[in-house]
Amino acid sequence: MTEPAPHTRPRYRVTCYELIGEREQLIMDVADQGFVVATGKFTGGAIDGELCHAGPRELQTHLALLIANDKQLLNDHARNQRRPR
């Protein structure tokens, strides 16, 4: 019997916590072959964001498209665009 081949591609662990005051609540703890993550803060009606990504480019592209086409996020964005400022 032959030994299984070791993973040749790196894997990444992404852990996300929600921070409210002194309380931390785990939101996500996942590991896989790639990720796309964005964080941001709202200041004066504008978002200041930071993007981080790793893994094979084709996987990053697929993950970014899944996020960009997420129906819940699209509905929230459309609803926010209709609000008067």
N, C-alpha and C. Protein backbone atom coordinates (compact mmCIF):
# COMPACT_ATOMS: atom_id res chain seq x y z
N MET A 1 0.84 -1.18 0.00
CA MET A 1 0.00 0.00 0.00
C MET A 1 0.89 1.24 0.00
N THR A 2 0.56 2.20 -0.86
CA THR A 2 1.38 3.42 -0.93
C THR A 2 0.82 4.48 0.01
N GLU A 3 1.70 5.31 0.47
CA GLU A 3 1.31 6.41 1.35
C GLU A 3 0.59 7.49 0.54
N PRO A 4 -0.42 8.13 1.09
CA PRO A 4 -1.07 9.22 0.36
C PRO A 4 -0.09 10.37 0.14
N ALA A 5 -0.22 11.01 -1.01
CA ALA A 5 0.67 12.14 -1.33
C ALA A 5 0.39 13.29 -0.37
N PRO A 6 1.44 13.95 0.11
CA PRO A 6 1.22 15.09 1.00
C PRO A 6 0.59 16.24 0.21
N HIS A 7 -0.14 17.11 0.92
CA HIS A 7 -0.73 18.28 0.26
C HIS A 7 0.39 19.12 -0.35
N THR A 8 0.28 19.40 -1.63
CA THR A 8 1.30 20.22 -2.27
C THR A 8 0.90 21.69 -2.29
N ARG A 9 -0.38 21.97 -2.18
CA ARG A 9 -0.84 23.36 -2.13
C ARG A 9 -0.99 23.77 -0.68
N PRO A 10 -0.66 25.02 -0.39
CA PRO A 10 -0.85 25.48 1.00
C PRO A 10 -2.33 25.58 1.33
N ARG A 11 -2.64 25.46 2.60
CA ARG A 11 -4.00 25.69 3.10
C ARG A 11 -3.92 26.88 4.05
N TYR A 12 -5.04 27.54 4.24
CA TYR A 12 -5.10 28.74 5.05
C TYR A 12 -6.22 28.60 6.07
N ARG A 13 -5.99 29.09 7.27
CA ARG A 13 -7.03 29.12 8.29
C ARG A 13 -7.44 30.57 8.48
N VAL A 14 -8.75 30.82 8.38
CA VAL A 14 -9.30 32.16 8.58
C VAL A 14 -10.22 32.09 9.79
N THR A 15 -9.93 32.91 10.78
CA THR A 15 -10.72 32.97 12.00
C THR A 15 -11.25 34.38 12.15
N CYS A 16 -12.53 34.51 12.43
CA CYS A 16 -13.16 35.83 12.54
C CYS A 16 -13.94 35.91 13.84
N TYR A 17 -13.73 36.99 14.57
CA TYR A 17 -14.46 37.25 15.81
C TYR A 17 -15.24 38.54 15.69
N GLU A 18 -16.42 38.57 16.29
CA GLU A 18 -17.16 39.81 16.45
C GLU A 18 -16.74 40.38 17.80
N LEU A 19 -16.33 41.65 17.81
CA LEU A 19 -15.86 42.29 19.04
C LEU A 19 -16.85 43.37 19.46
N ILE A 20 -17.44 43.19 20.63
CA ILE A 20 -18.34 44.19 21.20
C ILE A 20 -17.87 44.44 22.62
N GLY A 21 -17.33 45.63 22.85
CA GLY A 21 -16.77 45.95 24.16
C GLY A 21 -15.64 44.96 24.47
N GLU A 22 -15.75 44.31 25.61
CA GLU A 22 -14.75 43.32 26.01
C GLU A 22 -15.12 41.91 25.57
N ARG A 23 -16.27 41.75 24.94
CA ARG A 23 -16.76 40.43 24.55
C ARG A 23 -16.29 40.06 23.15
N GLU A 24 -15.83 38.83 22.98
CA GLU A 24 -15.46 38.27 21.68
C GLU A 24 -16.37 37.09 21.38
N GLN A 25 -16.96 37.08 20.19
CA GLN A 25 -17.78 35.94 19.79
C GLN A 25 -17.23 35.41 18.47
N LEU A 26 -16.92 34.11 18.44
CA LEU A 26 -16.41 33.49 17.24
C LEU A 26 -17.49 33.47 16.17
N ILE A 27 -17.18 34.00 15.01
CA ILE A 27 -18.12 34.05 13.89
C ILE A 27 -17.76 32.99 12.84
N MET A 28 -16.45 32.78 12.63
CA MET A 28 -16.02 31.85 11.59
C MET A 28 -14.63 31.32 11.93
N ASP A 29 -14.43 30.03 11.70
CA ASP A 29 -13.11 29.40 11.84
C ASP A 29 -13.06 28.29 10.80
N VAL A 30 -12.45 28.59 9.66
CA VAL A 30 -12.43 27.65 8.54
C VAL A 30 -11.03 27.55 7.96
N ALA A 31 -10.75 26.41 7.34
CA ALA A 31 -9.47 26.22 6.66
C ALA A 31 -9.74 25.62 5.28
N ASP A 32 -9.04 26.13 4.27
CA ASP A 32 -9.16 25.59 2.92
C ASP A 32 -8.02 26.10 2.07
N GLN A 33 -8.12 25.92 0.76
CA GLN A 33 -7.00 26.23 -0.14
C GLN A 33 -6.94 27.68 -0.58
N GLY A 34 -7.88 28.51 -0.17
CA GLY A 34 -7.82 29.90 -0.55
C GLY A 34 -8.89 30.70 0.17
N PHE A 35 -8.72 32.03 0.17
CA PHE A 35 -9.71 32.88 0.80
C PHE A 35 -9.66 34.28 0.22
N VAL A 36 -10.78 34.98 0.37
CA VAL A 36 -10.89 36.41 0.07
C VAL A 36 -11.59 37.02 1.27
N VAL A 37 -10.98 38.02 1.89
CA VAL A 37 -11.54 38.63 3.09
C VAL A 37 -11.49 40.16 2.94
N ALA A 38 -12.55 40.82 3.35
CA ALA A 38 -12.56 42.28 3.38
C ALA A 38 -13.03 42.74 4.74
N THR A 39 -12.40 43.79 5.25
CA THR A 39 -12.85 44.42 6.48
C THR A 39 -13.03 45.91 6.18
N GLY A 40 -13.85 46.56 6.95
CA GLY A 40 -14.05 47.98 6.71
C GLY A 40 -14.71 48.67 7.87
N LYS A 41 -14.66 49.99 7.81
CA LYS A 41 -15.36 50.80 8.81
C LYS A 41 -16.05 51.94 8.10
N PHE A 42 -17.20 52.34 8.64
CA PHE A 42 -17.96 53.44 8.09
C PHE A 42 -17.54 54.73 8.77
N THR A 43 -17.18 55.73 7.98
CA THR A 43 -16.81 57.03 8.50
C THR A 43 -17.48 58.10 7.63
N GLY A 44 -18.36 58.85 8.23
CA GLY A 44 -19.01 59.93 7.49
C GLY A 44 -19.76 59.48 6.25
N GLY A 45 -20.40 58.32 6.30
CA GLY A 45 -21.18 57.83 5.16
C GLY A 45 -20.38 57.11 4.10
N ALA A 46 -19.07 56.98 4.30
CA ALA A 46 -18.23 56.25 3.34
C ALA A 46 -17.59 55.07 4.04
N ILE A 47 -17.27 54.03 3.28
CA ILE A 47 -16.61 52.86 3.87
C ILE A 47 -15.12 52.91 3.52
N ASP A 48 -14.31 52.67 4.51
CA ASP A 48 -12.87 52.57 4.35
C ASP A 48 -12.54 51.10 4.51
N GLY A 49 -12.16 50.42 3.43
CA GLY A 49 -11.99 48.98 3.46
C GLY A 49 -10.57 48.53 3.25
N GLU A 50 -10.32 47.30 3.66
CA GLU A 50 -9.03 46.66 3.47
C GLU A 50 -9.30 45.23 2.99
N LEU A 51 -8.57 44.80 1.97
CA LEU A 51 -8.79 43.49 1.36
C LEU A 51 -7.56 42.62 1.54
N CYS A 52 -7.80 41.34 1.81
CA CYS A 52 -6.72 40.37 1.96
C CYS A 52 -7.13 39.10 1.22
N HIS A 53 -6.24 38.49 0.48
CA HIS A 53 -6.57 37.27 -0.23
C HIS A 53 -5.33 36.40 -0.39
N ALA A 54 -5.56 35.09 -0.52
CA ALA A 54 -4.46 34.16 -0.72
C ALA A 54 -5.00 32.89 -1.36
N GLY A 55 -4.12 32.15 -2.00
CA GLY A 55 -4.51 30.91 -2.65
C GLY A 55 -4.38 31.03 -4.16
N PRO A 56 -4.68 29.96 -4.87
CA PRO A 56 -4.57 29.99 -6.33
C PRO A 56 -5.49 31.07 -6.92
N ARG A 57 -5.02 31.79 -7.91
CA ARG A 57 -5.76 32.90 -8.50
C ARG A 57 -7.16 32.48 -8.98
N GLU A 58 -7.29 31.30 -9.60
CA GLU A 58 -8.60 30.87 -10.10
C GLU A 58 -9.58 30.64 -8.95
N LEU A 59 -9.09 30.17 -7.80
CA LEU A 59 -9.96 30.00 -6.64
C LEU A 59 -10.34 31.35 -6.05
N GLN A 60 -9.39 32.28 -5.97
CA GLN A 60 -9.69 33.63 -5.49
C GLN A 60 -10.77 34.27 -6.34
N THR A 61 -10.65 34.13 -7.66
CA THR A 61 -11.62 34.72 -8.58
C THR A 61 -13.01 34.13 -8.35
N HIS A 62 -13.07 32.81 -8.20
CA HIS A 62 -14.36 32.15 -7.97
C HIS A 62 -14.98 32.61 -6.66
N LEU A 63 -14.19 32.69 -5.60
CA LEU A 63 -14.69 33.14 -4.30
C LEU A 63 -15.17 34.59 -4.37
N ALA A 64 -14.42 35.45 -5.05
CA ALA A 64 -14.82 36.85 -5.18
C ALA A 64 -16.13 36.97 -5.94
N LEU A 65 -16.32 36.17 -6.98
CA LEU A 65 -17.58 36.21 -7.74
C LEU A 65 -18.75 35.71 -6.90
N LEU A 66 -18.52 34.67 -6.08
CA LEU A 66 -19.58 34.19 -5.19
C LEU A 66 -20.01 35.30 -4.22
N ILE A 67 -19.03 36.02 -3.67
CA ILE A 67 -19.34 37.10 -2.74
C ILE A 67 -20.07 38.23 -3.48
N ALA A 68 -19.56 38.61 -4.65
CA ALA A 68 -20.14 39.73 -5.41
C ALA A 68 -21.57 39.44 -5.85
N ASN A 69 -21.90 38.18 -6.08
CA ASN A 69 -23.23 37.81 -6.58
C ASN A 69 -24.15 37.22 -5.50
N ASP A 70 -23.77 37.36 -4.23
CA ASP A 70 -24.57 36.84 -3.14
C ASP A 70 -25.91 37.58 -3.10
N LYS A 71 -27.03 36.87 -3.19
CA LYS A 71 -28.36 37.49 -3.27
C LYS A 71 -28.68 38.32 -2.03
N GLN A 72 -28.32 37.86 -0.85
CA GLN A 72 -28.61 38.62 0.37
C GLN A 72 -27.85 39.94 0.35
N LEU A 73 -26.57 39.90 -0.02
CA LEU A 73 -25.77 41.13 -0.06
C LEU A 73 -26.28 42.08 -1.14
N LEU A 74 -26.67 41.54 -2.31
CA LEU A 74 -27.20 42.38 -3.38
C LEU A 74 -28.49 43.06 -2.95
N ASN A 75 -29.37 42.34 -2.25
CA ASN A 75 -30.62 42.94 -1.76
C ASN A 75 -30.34 44.04 -0.75
N ASP A 76 -29.39 43.82 0.16
CA ASP A 76 -29.04 44.85 1.14
C ASP A 76 -28.48 46.08 0.45
N HIS A 77 -27.62 45.88 -0.55
CA HIS A 77 -27.01 47.00 -1.27
C HIS A 77 -28.08 47.80 -2.01
N ALA A 78 -28.99 47.10 -2.71
CA ALA A 78 -30.06 47.78 -3.45
C ALA A 78 -30.94 48.58 -2.50
N ARG A 79 -31.26 48.01 -1.34
CA ARG A 79 -32.10 48.69 -0.36
C ARG A 79 -31.40 49.94 0.16
N ASN A 80 -30.10 49.86 0.42
CA ASN A 80 -29.33 51.01 0.92
C ASN A 80 -29.21 52.11 -0.14
N GLN A 81 -29.16 51.74 -1.42
CA GLN A 81 -29.05 52.73 -2.49
C GLN A 81 -30.33 53.53 -2.65
N ARG A 82 -31.48 52.95 -2.28
CA ARG A 82 -32.77 53.64 -2.40
C ARG A 82 -33.04 54.60 -1.26
N ARG A 83 -32.31 54.48 -0.16
CA ARG A 83 -32.54 55.36 1.01
C ARG A 83 -32.09 56.78 0.69
N PRO A 84 -32.91 57.78 1.07
CA PRO A 84 -32.47 59.17 0.87
C PRO A 84 -31.33 59.49 1.83
N ARG A 85 -30.44 60.35 1.39
CA ARG A 85 -29.27 60.71 2.23
C ARG A 85 -29.45 62.02 2.89
